[in-house]
Amino acid sequence: MPSIDRAGLFAPRPLIYTLVVLVAVLAGLTYQVRSRTIFACKADGYNADQYIAYCNASGYADYEHGAFWFDLEPAAKDFAKKADVVFLGNSRMQVAFSAEATGNWFSAIPTRYYLLGFSYGENVVMTEELLRRLQPRAKVYVINVDDFFERIETAPMKTILHEADARDRYETKRRWQHIHERICTKLSALCRSDYVIFRSRETGAYTKKTDRDQITPVSDDWAVDQNLVKSSTSIAKGFLAKLAVPRECVILTMVPTVGTRIGNVTAIAEALGVPLMTPEISQGLLTFDGSHLDKASAERWSQAFFQMANSKIRSCL
């Protein structure tokens, strides 16, 4: 067979060749947009109250840290400032108390609450400064001790504290949410369905959208790391001293997870002289991803928490 000259093959058809190249380029760009930007996530959680706190795409990821730090969601900060009961902690706290049981309990009083926790295992590094800026009117603080009394800069805080263009990047993320909402609510097929968290401006509660299926039962770890307890207790004393509420109106808890470090948390609470209010639900609690309680477990656990903390919260209010 005679060899076929490649240039000769496409010479009479330059338009087709150009179109093939353009299609390939567009396909590559589309893949990048749908996998690495906010378009990796669906837009079905937007409403007047909710915005995206996190989208699991390498080019978007965290928004909630910058939203609060740079005051990009002023309504959310205003609600947090005016809440009577403020919850602090990480995403495990956020997921556990983002339950109907929480809303129902506070509606029955009635009083205002706010879930002021953050993803990435956030701790006092961000929260201490955020509370200083907010000057909340809270009469009660509920703190999930889980890694909270640490001074480790999480990934978002490293960006915020040390990168000069951090504010611009978070403002760009905020603007993209408006574009994302308009496009993906009308042309949903253009957007993927990766893990995404929507957050309420009014209560801080999470609404998560995920297809993850790594159901794992919660468990306890009663080992005590004395060095960690000593360090956390020291940080906790300084943090609690700055809260403008009596010590008896600070409630410590521990949301269960896989390998719940209940031994350390119990020792920290004892060293602080603050009761640890953690309901003992003997069986049936599950995580949906090996870390956060699934919906049914969050409902059961949060309902049990409010039964335990009912009189304490009411007396402080």
Protein backbone atom coordinates (compact mmCIF):
# COMPACT_ATOMS: atom_id res chain seq x y z
CA MET A 1 0.00 0.00 0.00
CA PRO A 2 1.40 3.40 -0.91
CA SER A 3 2.02 5.67 2.07
CA ILE A 4 -0.55 8.42 2.56
CA ASP A 5 0.80 11.89 3.01
CA ARG A 6 -0.94 13.38 6.09
CA ALA A 7 -0.70 16.93 4.83
CA GLY A 8 -2.09 15.77 1.49
CA LEU A 9 -5.00 14.07 3.19
CA PHE A 10 -6.13 17.23 4.97
CA ALA A 11 -5.02 19.78 2.38
CA PRO A 12 -8.29 19.73 0.42
CA ARG A 13 -10.25 19.79 3.65
CA PRO A 14 -8.71 22.50 5.88
CA LEU A 15 -12.11 23.51 7.23
CA ILE A 16 -12.86 20.00 8.51
CA TYR A 17 -9.42 19.78 10.10
CA THR A 18 -9.93 23.16 11.80
CA LEU A 19 -13.35 22.10 13.08
CA VAL A 20 -11.94 18.88 14.50
CA VAL A 21 -9.27 20.84 16.37
CA LEU A 22 -11.84 23.35 17.66
CA VAL A 23 -14.14 20.59 18.85
CA ALA A 24 -11.26 18.94 20.68
CA VAL A 25 -10.26 22.21 22.31
CA LEU A 26 -13.82 23.02 23.32
CA ALA A 27 -14.30 19.52 24.73
CA GLY A 28 -11.15 19.93 26.82
CA LEU A 29 -12.21 23.36 28.06
CA THR A 30 -15.68 22.10 28.90
CA TYR A 31 -14.23 19.24 30.90
CA GLN A 32 -11.96 21.62 32.80
CA VAL A 33 -14.82 24.00 33.56
CA ARG A 34 -17.15 21.22 34.70
CA SER A 35 -14.53 19.50 36.87
CA ARG A 36 -12.37 22.28 38.32
CA THR A 37 -14.71 25.26 38.77
CA ILE A 38 -18.00 25.97 40.52
CA PHE A 39 -19.73 24.32 37.55
CA ALA A 40 -18.70 20.98 39.05
CA CYS A 41 -21.62 21.50 41.44
CA LYS A 42 -25.37 21.76 41.00
CA ALA A 43 -27.22 25.02 41.64
CA ASP A 44 -30.43 23.59 43.09
CA GLY A 45 -29.79 24.85 46.63
CA TYR A 46 -29.77 28.57 45.95
CA ASN A 47 -32.55 30.73 47.35
CA ALA A 48 -32.90 34.08 49.08
CA ASP A 49 -31.45 32.55 52.25
CA GLN A 50 -28.79 30.14 50.95
CA TYR A 51 -25.44 30.47 49.23
CA ILE A 52 -22.68 27.98 48.42
CA ALA A 53 -20.27 27.57 51.33
CA TYR A 54 -18.20 24.87 49.64
CA CYS A 55 -18.02 23.26 46.21
CA ASN A 56 -15.78 20.23 45.80
CA ALA A 57 -13.77 21.52 42.84
CA SER A 58 -10.07 22.33 42.98
CA GLY A 59 -10.61 25.75 41.44
CA TYR A 60 -13.38 26.75 43.88
CA ALA A 61 -13.55 24.74 47.15
CA ASP A 62 -14.00 27.00 50.19
CA TYR A 63 -16.06 30.18 50.18
CA GLU A 64 -17.52 30.43 53.70
CA HIS A 65 -14.23 31.38 55.41
CA GLY A 66 -13.67 34.35 53.14
CA ALA A 67 -17.37 35.24 53.18
CA PHE A 68 -17.18 35.91 56.93
CA TRP A 69 -13.61 37.17 57.15
CA PHE A 70 -14.01 39.72 54.35
CA ASP A 71 -17.67 40.52 55.12
CA LEU A 72 -18.90 39.31 51.73
CA GLU A 73 -22.19 38.07 53.22
CA PRO A 74 -23.25 40.98 55.48
CA ALA A 75 -26.69 39.50 56.15
CA ALA A 76 -25.10 36.32 57.52
CA LYS A 77 -22.82 38.28 59.84
CA ASP A 78 -25.75 40.37 61.04
CA PHE A 79 -27.78 37.27 61.92
CA ALA A 80 -24.77 35.76 63.71
CA LYS A 81 -24.28 38.95 65.70
CA LYS A 82 -27.92 39.06 66.85
CA ALA A 83 -28.29 35.38 67.77
CA ASP A 84 -29.04 34.47 71.38
CA VAL A 85 -27.33 31.08 71.15
CA VAL A 86 -24.18 30.64 69.06
CA PHE A 87 -22.67 27.27 68.16
CA LEU A 88 -18.93 27.03 67.51
CA GLY A 89 -16.89 24.23 66.01
CA ASN A 90 -16.07 22.37 62.83
CA SER A 91 -18.10 20.88 60.01
CA ARG A 92 -19.11 17.89 62.14
CA MET A 93 -20.85 20.32 64.47
CA GLN A 94 -22.39 22.13 61.50
CA VAL A 95 -23.83 18.94 60.02
CA ALA A 96 -25.09 17.56 63.33
CA PHE A 97 -27.02 20.70 64.28
CA SER A 98 -28.23 21.47 60.74
CA ALA A 99 -31.24 19.36 61.62
CA GLU A 100 -34.96 19.95 61.84
CA ALA A 101 -34.73 19.12 65.54
CA THR A 102 -32.58 22.24 66.06
CA GLY A 103 -34.94 24.56 64.23
CA ASN A 104 -37.97 23.07 65.96
CA TRP A 105 -36.45 23.42 69.43
CA PHE A 106 -35.58 27.08 68.99
CA SER A 107 -38.90 27.87 67.33
CA ALA A 108 -40.71 26.52 70.38
CA ILE A 109 -38.97 28.91 72.79
CA PRO A 110 -38.77 31.08 70.57
CA THR A 111 -35.26 32.46 70.27
CA ARG A 112 -32.58 32.99 67.67
CA TYR A 113 -29.59 30.72 67.12
CA TYR A 114 -26.64 30.63 64.75
CA LEU A 115 -24.29 27.84 63.68
CA LEU A 116 -20.96 29.65 63.44
CA GLY A 117 -18.81 26.62 62.65
CA PHE A 118 -16.64 26.10 59.59
CA SER A 119 -15.26 23.30 57.47
CA TYR A 120 -11.60 22.21 57.24
CA GLY A 121 -11.57 21.46 60.98
CA GLU A 122 -11.60 25.14 61.87
CA ASN A 123 -10.51 26.15 65.35
CA VAL A 124 -9.87 29.18 67.57
CA VAL A 125 -7.43 30.74 65.08
CA MET A 126 -10.30 32.06 62.95
CA THR A 127 -13.11 32.00 65.49
CA GLU A 128 -11.39 34.15 68.11
CA GLU A 129 -10.77 37.00 65.67
CA LEU A 130 -14.18 36.61 64.07
CA LEU A 131 -15.93 36.95 67.43
CA ARG A 132 -13.84 40.01 68.24
CA ARG A 133 -15.05 41.65 65.05
CA LEU A 134 -18.67 40.53 65.42
CA GLN A 135 -19.14 41.39 69.09
CA PRO A 136 -22.07 38.92 69.29
CA ARG A 137 -25.01 39.46 71.65
CA ALA A 138 -25.15 35.77 72.49
CA LYS A 139 -26.21 34.69 75.96
CA VAL A 140 -25.17 31.06 75.41
CA TYR A 141 -22.29 29.43 73.54
CA VAL A 142 -22.29 25.77 72.55
CA ILE A 143 -18.80 24.59 71.62
CA ASN A 144 -17.96 21.32 69.93
CA VAL A 145 -14.60 20.53 71.54
CA ASP A 146 -13.51 18.33 68.63
CA ASP A 147 -10.10 19.86 67.64
CA PHE A 148 -11.48 23.33 68.40
CA PHE A 149 -9.03 24.41 71.09
CA GLU A 150 -6.01 24.32 68.79
CA ARG A 151 -3.94 27.01 67.11
CA ILE A 152 -3.32 25.42 63.76
CA GLU A 153 -3.84 27.43 60.59
CA THR A 154 -6.20 25.49 58.35
CA ALA A 155 -5.78 25.66 54.57
CA PRO A 156 -8.33 28.49 54.10
CA MET A 157 -6.78 30.51 56.94
CA LYS A 158 -3.30 30.16 55.44
CA THR A 159 -4.69 31.66 52.25
CA ILE A 160 -6.55 34.44 54.07
CA LEU A 161 -3.70 35.40 56.39
CA HIS A 162 -0.71 35.06 54.09
CA GLU A 163 -1.74 35.58 50.47
CA ALA A 164 -2.08 39.16 49.29
CA ASP A 165 -4.78 38.43 46.71
CA ALA A 166 -6.98 36.40 49.07
CA ARG A 167 -9.76 38.97 49.25
CA ASP A 168 -9.88 39.33 45.45
CA ARG A 169 -10.10 35.56 45.07
CA TYR A 170 -13.00 35.27 47.50
CA GLU A 171 -14.80 38.21 45.89
CA THR A 172 -14.41 36.45 42.54
CA LYS A 173 -15.94 33.30 44.05
CA ARG A 174 -18.90 35.36 45.26
CA ARG A 175 -19.45 36.83 41.78
CA TRP A 176 -19.26 33.38 40.18
CA GLN A 177 -22.14 32.21 42.37
CA HIS A 178 -24.47 34.66 40.64
CA ILE A 179 -23.37 33.42 37.22
CA HIS A 180 -23.53 29.79 38.33
CA GLU A 181 -27.06 30.19 39.66
CA ARG A 182 -28.36 31.80 36.47
CA ILE A 183 -26.79 29.26 34.13
CA CYS A 184 -27.17 26.02 36.07
CA THR A 185 -30.75 26.56 37.20
CA LYS A 186 -31.78 26.94 33.56
CA LEU A 187 -29.34 24.52 31.93
CA SER A 188 -28.70 22.00 34.68
CA ALA A 189 -27.06 19.52 32.28
CA LEU A 190 -24.12 21.89 31.94
CA CYS A 191 -23.19 21.35 35.60
CA ARG A 192 -21.96 18.23 37.36
CA SER A 193 -23.23 17.01 40.71
CA ASP A 194 -20.11 16.97 42.87
CA TYR A 195 -20.25 17.41 46.65
CA VAL A 196 -21.59 20.86 47.55
CA ILE A 197 -22.70 22.59 50.75
CA PHE A 198 -25.23 25.40 50.79
CA ARG A 199 -25.37 27.59 53.90
CA SER A 200 -28.20 29.58 55.43
CA ARG A 201 -27.58 33.27 55.98
CA GLU A 202 -30.19 33.32 58.76
CA THR A 203 -29.05 30.38 60.88
CA GLY A 204 -25.71 29.27 59.40
CA ALA A 205 -27.16 25.78 58.87
CA TYR A 206 -25.80 23.52 56.15
CA THR A 207 -27.75 21.90 53.35
CA LYS A 208 -25.46 19.37 51.73
CA LYS A 209 -25.84 17.76 48.34
CA THR A 210 -23.80 14.62 47.93
CA ASP A 211 -23.82 11.20 46.33
CA ARG A 212 -21.20 9.91 48.76
CA ASP A 213 -21.99 6.53 50.19
CA GLN A 214 -19.41 5.49 52.77
CA ILE A 215 -21.79 4.60 55.58
CA THR A 216 -19.74 3.94 58.70
CA PRO A 217 -20.97 3.53 62.30
CA VAL A 218 -19.69 5.97 64.92
CA SER A 219 -17.28 4.69 67.55
CA ASP A 220 -15.53 5.96 70.69
CA ASP A 221 -11.87 6.31 71.55
CA TRP A 222 -11.37 6.62 75.31
CA ALA A 223 -7.58 7.02 75.17
CA VAL A 224 -6.26 10.20 76.77
CA ASP A 225 -3.32 12.15 75.38
CA GLN A 226 -2.14 14.17 78.38
CA ASN A 227 -0.01 16.55 76.31
CA LEU A 228 -2.94 17.34 74.03
CA VAL A 229 -5.27 17.79 77.02
CA LYS A 230 -2.83 20.18 78.67
CA SER A 231 -2.33 22.23 75.51
CA SER A 232 -6.05 22.36 74.65
CA THR A 233 -7.01 23.28 78.21
CA SER A 234 -4.58 26.20 78.21
CA ILE A 235 -5.93 27.52 74.90
CA ALA A 236 -9.52 26.97 76.06
CA LYS A 237 -9.04 29.00 79.24
CA GLY A 238 -7.82 31.98 77.25
CA PHE A 239 -10.61 31.64 74.72
CA LEU A 240 -13.42 31.25 77.26
CA ALA A 241 -12.19 34.25 79.24
CA LYS A 242 -12.93 36.46 76.23
CA LEU A 243 -16.54 35.32 75.84
CA ALA A 244 -18.95 37.88 77.25
CA VAL A 245 -21.09 35.29 79.04
CA PRO A 246 -20.84 33.61 82.46
CA ARG A 247 -18.90 30.36 82.46
CA GLU A 248 -22.09 28.44 83.34
CA CYS A 249 -23.58 29.60 80.02
CA VAL A 250 -20.85 27.88 78.02
CA ILE A 251 -21.82 24.35 77.02
CA LEU A 252 -19.21 21.91 75.80
CA THR A 253 -20.20 18.98 73.63
CA MET A 254 -18.70 16.41 71.29
CA VAL A 255 -20.48 15.40 68.11
CA PRO A 256 -19.89 11.67 67.56
CA THR A 257 -17.87 10.45 64.62
CA VAL A 258 -15.71 7.48 63.70
CA GLY A 259 -13.16 7.17 66.50
CA THR A 260 -14.71 9.94 68.60
CA ARG A 261 -11.93 11.13 70.90
CA ILE A 262 -14.21 11.20 73.87
CA GLY A 263 -11.38 10.44 76.31
CA ASN A 264 -9.49 13.64 75.47
CA VAL A 265 -12.63 15.76 75.36
CA THR A 266 -13.85 14.49 78.73
CA ALA A 267 -10.47 15.27 80.28
CA ILE A 268 -10.47 18.79 78.78
CA ALA A 269 -13.96 19.50 80.11
CA GLU A 270 -13.00 18.28 83.57
CA ALA A 271 -9.86 20.44 83.60
CA LEU A 272 -11.96 23.48 82.65
CA GLY A 273 -14.65 22.70 85.20
CA VAL A 274 -17.30 22.86 82.49
CA PRO A 275 -19.84 20.02 82.13
CA LEU A 276 -19.66 18.02 78.91
CA MET A 277 -23.14 17.57 77.45
CA THR A 278 -22.86 14.70 75.02
CA PRO A 279 -25.89 12.40 74.74
CA GLU A 280 -25.08 8.72 75.03
CA ILE A 281 -26.90 7.02 72.20
CA SER A 282 -25.79 3.44 72.46
CA GLN A 283 -26.28 2.29 68.91
CA GLY A 284 -27.45 3.12 65.43
CA LEU A 285 -25.58 6.38 64.77
CA LEU A 286 -23.96 6.45 61.33
CA THR A 287 -21.76 8.75 59.29
CA PHE A 288 -22.40 9.25 55.59
CA ASP A 289 -18.72 9.73 54.76
CA GLY A 290 -16.73 8.29 57.63
CA SER A 291 -16.77 11.62 59.43
CA HIS A 292 -20.13 13.47 59.48
CA LEU A 293 -23.41 12.14 60.84
CA ASP A 294 -25.96 11.14 58.24
CA LYS A 295 -29.33 12.89 58.24
CA ALA A 296 -31.21 10.41 60.43
CA SER A 297 -28.37 10.24 62.96
CA ALA A 298 -28.04 14.02 63.10
CA GLU A 299 -31.75 14.29 63.87
CA ARG A 300 -31.57 11.72 66.67
CA TRP A 301 -28.42 13.11 68.22
CA SER A 302 -29.37 16.80 68.09
CA GLN A 303 -32.80 16.04 69.54
CA ALA A 304 -31.16 14.16 72.42
CA PHE A 305 -28.73 17.05 72.93
CA PHE A 306 -31.52 19.59 73.38
CA GLN A 307 -33.28 17.33 75.83
CA MET A 308 -30.07 17.23 77.87
CA ALA A 309 -29.22 20.95 77.53
CA ASN A 310 -32.79 22.27 77.73
CA SER A 311 -32.77 23.63 81.28
CA LYS A 312 -29.24 25.03 81.00
CA ILE A 313 -29.97 27.00 77.82
CA ARG A 314 -33.31 28.28 79.10
CA SER A 315 -31.82 29.44 82.41
CA CYS A 316 -29.13 31.43 80.60
CA LEU A 317 -31.65 32.98 78.23
